C-alpha atoms as a PDB file:
ATOM      1  CA  UNK A   1       1.238  20.610  13.453  1.00  0.00           C
ATOM      2  CA  UNK A   2      -1.109  20.630  10.704  1.00  0.00           C
ATOM      3  CA  UNK A   3      -4.162  18.447  10.544  1.00  0.00           C
ATOM      4  CA  UNK A   4      -3.243  14.595   9.829  1.00  0.00           C
ATOM      5  CA  UNK A   5      -4.028  13.739   6.216  1.00  0.00           C
ATOM      6  CA  UNK A   6      -6.350  10.810   5.390  1.00  0.00           C
ATOM      7  CA  UNK A   7      -4.175   7.999   3.856  1.00  0.00           C
ATOM      8  CA  UNK A   8      -4.893   4.525   2.754  1.00  0.00           C
ATOM      9  CA  UNK A   9      -2.526   1.795   1.386  1.00  0.00           C
ATOM     10  CA  UNK A  10      -3.348  -0.533  -1.183  1.00  0.00           C
ATOM     11  CA  UNK A  11      -1.763  -3.867  -2.013  1.00  0.00           C
ATOM     12  CA  UNK A  12      -2.476  -4.711  -5.453  1.00  0.00           C
ATOM     13  CA  UNK A  13      -2.316  -8.406  -6.816  1.00  0.00           C
ATOM     14  CA  UNK A  14      -3.906  -7.728 -10.282  1.00  0.00           C
ATOM     15  CA  UNK A  15      -3.125  -6.484 -12.677  1.00  0.00           C
ATOM     16  CA  UNK A  16       0.727  -7.387 -11.872  1.00  0.00           C
ATOM     17  CA  UNK A  17       3.634  -8.046 -13.995  1.00  0.00           C
ATOM     18  CA  UNK A  18       5.606 -11.201 -13.585  1.00  0.00           C
ATOM     19  CA  UNK A  19       9.399 -11.389 -14.164  1.00  0.00           C
ATOM     20  CA  UNK A  20       8.798 -12.158 -17.946  1.00  0.00           C
ATOM     21  CA  UNK A  21       6.525  -9.203 -18.258  1.00  0.00           C
ATOM     22  CA  UNK A  22       3.160 -11.040 -18.421  1.00  0.00           C
ATOM     23  CA  UNK A  23       0.109  -9.618 -16.611  1.00  0.00           C
ATOM     24  CA  UNK A  24      -0.565 -11.995 -13.747  1.00  0.00           C
ATOM     25  CA  UNK A  25      -2.407 -12.129 -10.538  1.00  0.00           C
ATOM     26  CA  UNK A  26      -0.240 -12.722  -7.374  1.00  0.00           C
ATOM     27  CA  UNK A  27      -1.188 -14.584  -4.194  1.00  0.00           C
ATOM     28  CA  UNK A  28      -1.846 -12.698  -0.843  1.00  0.00           C
ATOM     29  CA  UNK A  29       0.950 -13.777   1.467  1.00  0.00           C
ATOM     30  CA  UNK A  30       0.435 -14.001   5.358  1.00  0.00           C
ATOM     31  CA  UNK A  31       3.473 -11.667   5.905  1.00  0.00           C
ATOM     32  CA  UNK A  32       2.446  -8.911   3.614  1.00  0.00           C
ATOM     33  CA  UNK A  33      -1.157  -8.672   5.542  1.00  0.00           C
ATOM     34  CA  UNK A  34       0.405  -8.638   9.190  1.00  0.00           C
ATOM     35  CA  UNK A  35       3.655  -6.557   8.552  1.00  0.00           C
ATOM     36  CA  UNK A  36       1.994  -4.069   6.420  1.00  0.00           C
ATOM     37  CA  UNK A  37      -0.783  -3.598   8.801  1.00  0.00           C
ATOM     38  CA  UNK A  38       1.715  -3.211  11.377  1.00  0.00           C
ATOM     39  CA  UNK A  39       3.510  -0.436   9.703  1.00  0.00           C
ATOM     40  CA  UNK A  40       0.375   1.218   8.771  1.00  0.00           C
ATOM     41  CA  UNK A  41      -0.679   1.290  12.127  1.00  0.00           C
ATOM     42  CA  UNK A  42       2.775   2.976  13.472  1.00  0.00           C
ATOM     43  CA  UNK A  43       2.527   5.593  10.904  1.00  0.00           C
ATOM     44  CA  UNK A  44      -1.397   6.368  11.539  1.00  0.00           C
ATOM     45  CA  UNK A  45      -2.862   5.047   7.927  1.00  0.00           C
ATOM     46  CA  UNK A  46      -6.465   5.004   8.113  1.00  0.00           C
ATOM     47  CA  UNK A  47      -6.936   2.015   5.898  1.00  0.00           C
ATOM     48  CA  UNK A  48      -5.040  -0.938   4.275  1.00  0.00           C
ATOM     49  CA  UNK A  49      -6.419  -2.584   1.415  1.00  0.00           C
ATOM     50  CA  UNK A  50      -5.748  -6.107   0.120  1.00  0.00           C
ATOM     51  CA  UNK A  51      -6.798  -5.825  -3.394  1.00  0.00           C
ATOM     52  CA  UNK A  52      -7.188  -9.239  -5.204  1.00  0.00           C
ATOM     53  CA  UNK A  53      -9.881 -10.480  -7.816  1.00  0.00           C
ATOM     54  CA  UNK A  54      -9.598 -14.087  -6.673  1.00  0.00           C
ATOM     55  CA  UNK A  55     -12.485 -15.058  -4.198  1.00  0.00           C
ATOM     56  CA  UNK A  56     -10.423 -17.779  -2.609  1.00  0.00           C
ATOM     57  CA  UNK A  57      -7.735 -15.195  -1.711  1.00  0.00           C
ATOM     58  CA  UNK A  58     -10.225 -12.865  -0.176  1.00  0.00           C
ATOM     59  CA  UNK A  59     -11.482 -15.666   1.864  1.00  0.00           C
ATOM     60  CA  UNK A  60      -8.013 -16.586   3.024  1.00  0.00           C
ATOM     61  CA  UNK A  61      -7.627 -12.954   4.325  1.00  0.00           C
ATOM     62  CA  UNK A  62     -10.854 -12.690   5.844  1.00  0.00           C
ATOM     63  CA  UNK A  63     -10.344 -16.012   7.855  1.00  0.00           C
ATOM     64  CA  UNK A  64      -7.004 -14.637   9.044  1.00  0.00           C
ATOM     65  CA  UNK A  65      -8.658 -11.334   9.893  1.00  0.00           C
ATOM     66  CA  UNK A  66     -11.470 -13.224  11.837  1.00  0.00           C
ATOM     67  CA  UNK A  67      -9.272 -15.188  13.936  1.00  0.00           C
ATOM     68  CA  UNK A  68      -7.002 -11.898  15.022  1.00  0.00           C
ATOM     69  CA  UNK A  69      -9.915  -9.945  15.601  1.00  0.00           C
ATOM     70  CA  UNK A  70     -11.536 -12.531  17.594  1.00  0.00           C
ATOM     71  CA  UNK A  71     -11.339 -12.779  21.557  1.00  0.00           C
ATOM     72  CA  UNK A  72      -8.751 -15.739  21.206  1.00  0.00           C
ATOM     73  CA  UNK A  73      -6.572 -13.995  18.625  1.00  0.00           C
ATOM     74  CA  UNK A  74      -6.638 -10.838  20.675  1.00  0.00           C
ATOM     75  CA  UNK A  75      -5.784 -12.691  23.681  1.00  0.00           C
ATOM     76  CA  UNK A  76      -2.844 -14.230  22.112  1.00  0.00           C
ATOM     77  CA  UNK A  77      -1.465 -11.068  20.720  1.00  0.00           C
ATOM     78  CA  UNK A  78      -3.561  -7.823  21.457  1.00  0.00           C
ATOM     79  CA  UNK A  79      -1.088  -5.462  19.537  1.00  0.00           C
ATOM     80  CA  UNK A  80      -1.841  -7.494  16.221  1.00  0.00           C
ATOM     81  CA  UNK A  81      -5.526  -7.182  16.441  1.00  0.00           C
ATOM     82  CA  UNK A  82      -5.117  -3.547  16.931  1.00  0.00           C
ATOM     83  CA  UNK A  83      -3.136  -3.559  13.696  1.00  0.00           C
ATOM     84  CA  UNK A  84      -5.210  -5.580  11.852  1.00  0.00           C
ATOM     85  CA  UNK A  85      -8.544  -3.498  12.515  1.00  0.00           C
ATOM     86  CA  UNK A  86      -7.564  -1.215   9.617  1.00  0.00           C
ATOM     87  CA  UNK A  87      -7.406  -3.998   7.043  1.00  0.00           C
ATOM     88  CA  UNK A  88      -9.902  -4.234   4.280  1.00  0.00           C
ATOM     89  CA  UNK A  89     -10.479  -6.323   1.270  1.00  0.00           C
ATOM     90  CA  UNK A  90     -11.500  -5.383  -2.354  1.00  0.00           C
ATOM     91  CA  UNK A  91     -11.933  -7.398  -5.616  1.00  0.00           C
ATOM     92  CA  UNK A  92     -10.531  -4.156  -7.590  1.00  0.00           C
ATOM     93  CA  UNK A  93      -9.067  -0.873  -6.979  1.00  0.00           C
ATOM     94  CA  UNK A  94     -12.337   0.696  -8.056  1.00  0.00           C
ATOM     95  CA  UNK A  95     -14.031  -1.351  -5.468  1.00  0.00           C
ATOM     96  CA  UNK A  96     -11.336  -0.099  -2.976  1.00  0.00           C
ATOM     97  CA  UNK A  97     -11.813   3.336  -4.071  1.00  0.00           C
ATOM     98  CA  UNK A  98     -15.668   3.531  -3.712  1.00  0.00           C
ATOM     99  CA  UNK A  99     -15.565   1.678  -0.266  1.00  0.00           C
ATOM    100  CA  UNK A 100     -13.041   4.444   1.078  1.00  0.00           C
ATOM    101  CA  UNK A 101     -15.226   7.203  -0.818  1.00  0.00           C
ATOM    102  CA  UNK A 102     -14.921  10.846  -1.650  1.00  0.00           C
ATOM    103  CA  UNK A 103     -12.171  12.552  -3.653  1.00  0.00           C
ATOM    104  CA  UNK A 104      -9.023  10.670  -3.715  1.00  0.00           C
ATOM    105  CA  UNK A 105      -5.563  11.325  -4.805  1.00  0.00           C
ATOM    106  CA  UNK A 106      -4.113   8.126  -6.274  1.00  0.00           C
ATOM    107  CA  UNK A 107      -0.189   7.948  -5.647  1.00  0.00           C
ATOM    108  CA  UNK A 108       1.356   4.865  -7.390  1.00  0.00           C
ATOM    109  CA  UNK A 109       4.833   3.281  -6.674  1.00  0.00           C
ATOM    110  CA  UNK A 110       7.394   1.669  -8.653  1.00  0.00           C
ATOM    111  CA  UNK A 111      10.993   0.354  -8.255  1.00  0.00           C
ATOM    112  CA  UNK A 112      12.097   1.892 -11.582  1.00  0.00           C
ATOM    113  CA  UNK A 113      10.986   5.355 -12.879  1.00  0.00           C
ATOM    114  CA  UNK A 114       8.061   5.224 -15.047  1.00  0.00           C
ATOM    115  CA  UNK A 115       8.452   6.497 -18.581  1.00  0.00           C
ATOM    116  CA  UNK A 116       6.547   9.875 -19.328  1.00  0.00           C
ATOM    117  CA  UNK A 117       6.268  10.410 -15.523  1.00  0.00           C
ATOM    118  CA  UNK A 118       8.505  13.008 -14.012  1.00  0.00           C
ATOM    119  CA  UNK A 119       8.085  11.251 -10.489  1.00  0.00           C
ATOM    120  CA  UNK A 120       6.732  12.802  -7.506  1.00  0.00           C
ATOM    121  CA  UNK A 121       9.376  13.214  -4.824  1.00  0.00           C
ATOM    122  CA  UNK A 122       9.077  12.206  -1.202  1.00  0.00           C
ATOM    123  CA  UNK A 123       9.707  15.619   0.366  1.00  0.00           C
ATOM    124  CA  UNK A 124       7.162  17.127  -2.118  1.00  0.00           C
ATOM    125  CA  UNK A 125       4.444  14.914  -1.504  1.00  0.00           C
ATOM    126  CA  UNK A 126       5.162  14.895   2.298  1.00  0.00           C
ATOM    127  CA  UNK A 127       4.913  18.655   2.259  1.00  0.00           C
ATOM    128  CA  UNK A 128       1.785  18.613   0.304  1.00  0.00           C
ATOM    129  CA  UNK A 129       0.290  16.150   2.603  1.00  0.00           C
ATOM    130  CA  UNK A 130       0.986  18.282   5.563  1.00  0.00           C
ATOM    131  CA  UNK A 131       0.101  21.665   4.224  1.00  0.00           C
ATOM    132  CA  UNK A 132      -2.994  21.594   5.857  1.00  0.00           C
ATOM    133  CA  UNK A 133      -5.277  21.113   2.824  1.00  0.00           C
ATOM    134  CA  UNK A 134      -6.664  17.949   3.902  1.00  0.00           C
ATOM    135  CA  UNK A 135      -7.050  15.524   1.116  1.00  0.00           C
ATOM    136  CA  UNK A 136      -7.391  11.763   0.843  1.00  0.00           C
ATOM    137  CA  UNK A 137      -4.220   9.778  -0.372  1.00  0.00           C
ATOM    138  CA  UNK A 138      -4.357   6.262  -1.453  1.00  0.00           C
ATOM    139  CA  UNK A 139      -0.810   5.033  -1.872  1.00  0.00           C
ATOM    140  CA  UNK A 140      -0.814   2.068  -4.261  1.00  0.00           C
ATOM    141  CA  UNK A 141       1.639  -0.759  -4.022  1.00  0.00           C
ATOM    142  CA  UNK A 142       2.240  -3.745  -6.367  1.00  0.00           C
ATOM    143  CA  UNK A 143       3.409  -7.340  -5.601  1.00  0.00           C
ATOM    144  CA  UNK A 144       5.331  -9.470  -8.196  1.00  0.00           C
ATOM    145  CA  UNK A 145       7.211  -7.613 -10.408  1.00  0.00           C
ATOM    146  CA  UNK A 146       5.272  -4.303 -10.100  1.00  0.00           C
ATOM    147  CA  UNK A 147       1.951  -2.734 -11.357  1.00  0.00           C
ATOM    148  CA  UNK A 148       0.971  -3.306 -14.793  1.00  0.00           C
ATOM    149  CA  UNK A 149       1.172  -0.029 -16.732  1.00  0.00           C
ATOM    150  CA  UNK A 150      -2.562   0.553 -16.879  1.00  0.00           C
ATOM    151  CA  UNK A 151      -2.780   1.014 -13.318  1.00  0.00           C
ATOM    152  CA  UNK A 152      -0.519   3.991 -13.583  1.00  0.00           C
ATOM    153  CA  UNK A 153      -3.178   6.054 -15.578  1.00  0.00           C
ATOM    154  CA  UNK A 154      -4.602   8.930 -13.702  1.00  0.00           C
ATOM    155  CA  UNK A 155      -2.100   8.554 -10.886  1.00  0.00           C
ATOM    156  CA  UNK A 156       0.966  10.542  -9.868  1.00  0.00           C
ATOM    157  CA  UNK A 157       3.968   8.110  -9.447  1.00  0.00           C
ATOM    158  CA  UNK A 158       6.021   8.447  -6.305  1.00  0.00           C
ATOM    159  CA  UNK A 159       9.858   8.248  -7.024  1.00  0.00           C
ATOM    160  CA  UNK A 160      11.699   5.001  -6.805  1.00  0.00           C
ATOM    161  CA  UNK A 161      13.323   4.397  -3.467  1.00  0.00           C
ATOM    162  CA  UNK A 162      17.160   4.121  -4.244  1.00  0.00           C
ATOM    163  CA  UNK A 163      20.559   3.599  -2.464  1.00  0.00           C
ATOM    164  CA  UNK A 164      23.447   6.034  -2.594  1.00  0.00           C
ATOM    165  CA  UNK A 165      25.481   3.118  -3.704  1.00  0.00           C
ATOM    166  CA  UNK A 166      23.795   0.255  -5.742  1.00  0.00           C
ATOM    167  CA  UNK A 167      21.577   1.605  -8.655  1.00  0.00           C
ATOM    168  CA  UNK A 168      20.931  -1.867 -10.328  1.00  0.00           C
ATOM    169  CA  UNK A 169      19.423  -3.913  -7.541  1.00  0.00           C
ATOM    170  CA  UNK A 170      15.662  -2.935  -7.214  1.00  0.00           C
ATOM    171  CA  UNK A 171      13.907  -6.001  -5.607  1.00  0.00           C
ATOM    172  CA  UNK A 172      12.804  -4.868  -1.993  1.00  0.00           C
ATOM    173  CA  UNK A 173       9.919  -6.978  -0.681  1.00  0.00           C
ATOM    174  CA  UNK A 174       6.561  -4.996  -0.908  1.00  0.00           C
ATOM    175  CA  UNK A 175       6.698  -4.796   2.973  1.00  0.00           C
ATOM    176  CA  UNK A 176      10.146  -3.101   3.129  1.00  0.00           C
ATOM    177  CA  UNK A 177       9.044  -0.621   0.321  1.00  0.00           C
ATOM    178  CA  UNK A 178       5.860   0.153   2.160  1.00  0.00           C
ATOM    179  CA  UNK A 179       7.880   0.630   5.464  1.00  0.00           C
ATOM    180  CA  UNK A 180      10.365   2.887   3.900  1.00  0.00           C
ATOM    181  CA  UNK A 181       7.730   5.073   1.880  1.00  0.00           C
ATOM    182  CA  UNK A 182       5.556   5.556   5.139  1.00  0.00           C
ATOM    183  CA  UNK A 183       8.524   6.658   7.129  1.00  0.00           C
ATOM    184  CA  UNK A 184       9.907   9.056   4.405  1.00  0.00           C
ATOM    185  CA  UNK A 185       6.140  10.450   4.005  1.00  0.00           C
ATOM    186  CA  UNK A 186       4.809  10.138   7.761  1.00  0.00           C
ATOM    187  CA  UNK A 187       8.074   9.650   9.763  1.00  0.00           C
ATOM    188  CA  UNK A 188       8.844  12.190  12.580  1.00  0.00           C
ATOM    189  CA  UNK A 189      12.166  13.208  11.297  1.00  0.00           C
END
């Protein structure tokens, strides 16, 4: 087996689109922090960044992490502590990239095809990740109704998740989307 690629997941809360197409900042949810961290741990992701410019939102995440990383939280659920050790916070994508450091390949995701982007296939990216040419990959996911178009600049866009049967409905929870993407890219099948 080839050397494991270095992978980070970023959950971006700004700039995000709302259902009317406006650029907004979304709130961090407790479930997104816990469930995505657990999926990241299962698939060997190195870091999981919660990216939100709102100081209060990052304080919320820090308090949550502080509890679960403490002896009291770990005593209640040691597996959760293990998963949450990889969680980091950042005010912006740039800050997260600087924190992780090095030459990073940015991979964005979207529920729909992005105009002007051919879409990077899951198999293509998985083969690249496992080729032995160790790179750092940063998989970026949006909240709300998806990433604002400026986030896609300078990235490769992973093909949308889709069903064999239903083409119109594309509104998975971000937790589900992260889990599906990680399994397609890092699953042992």
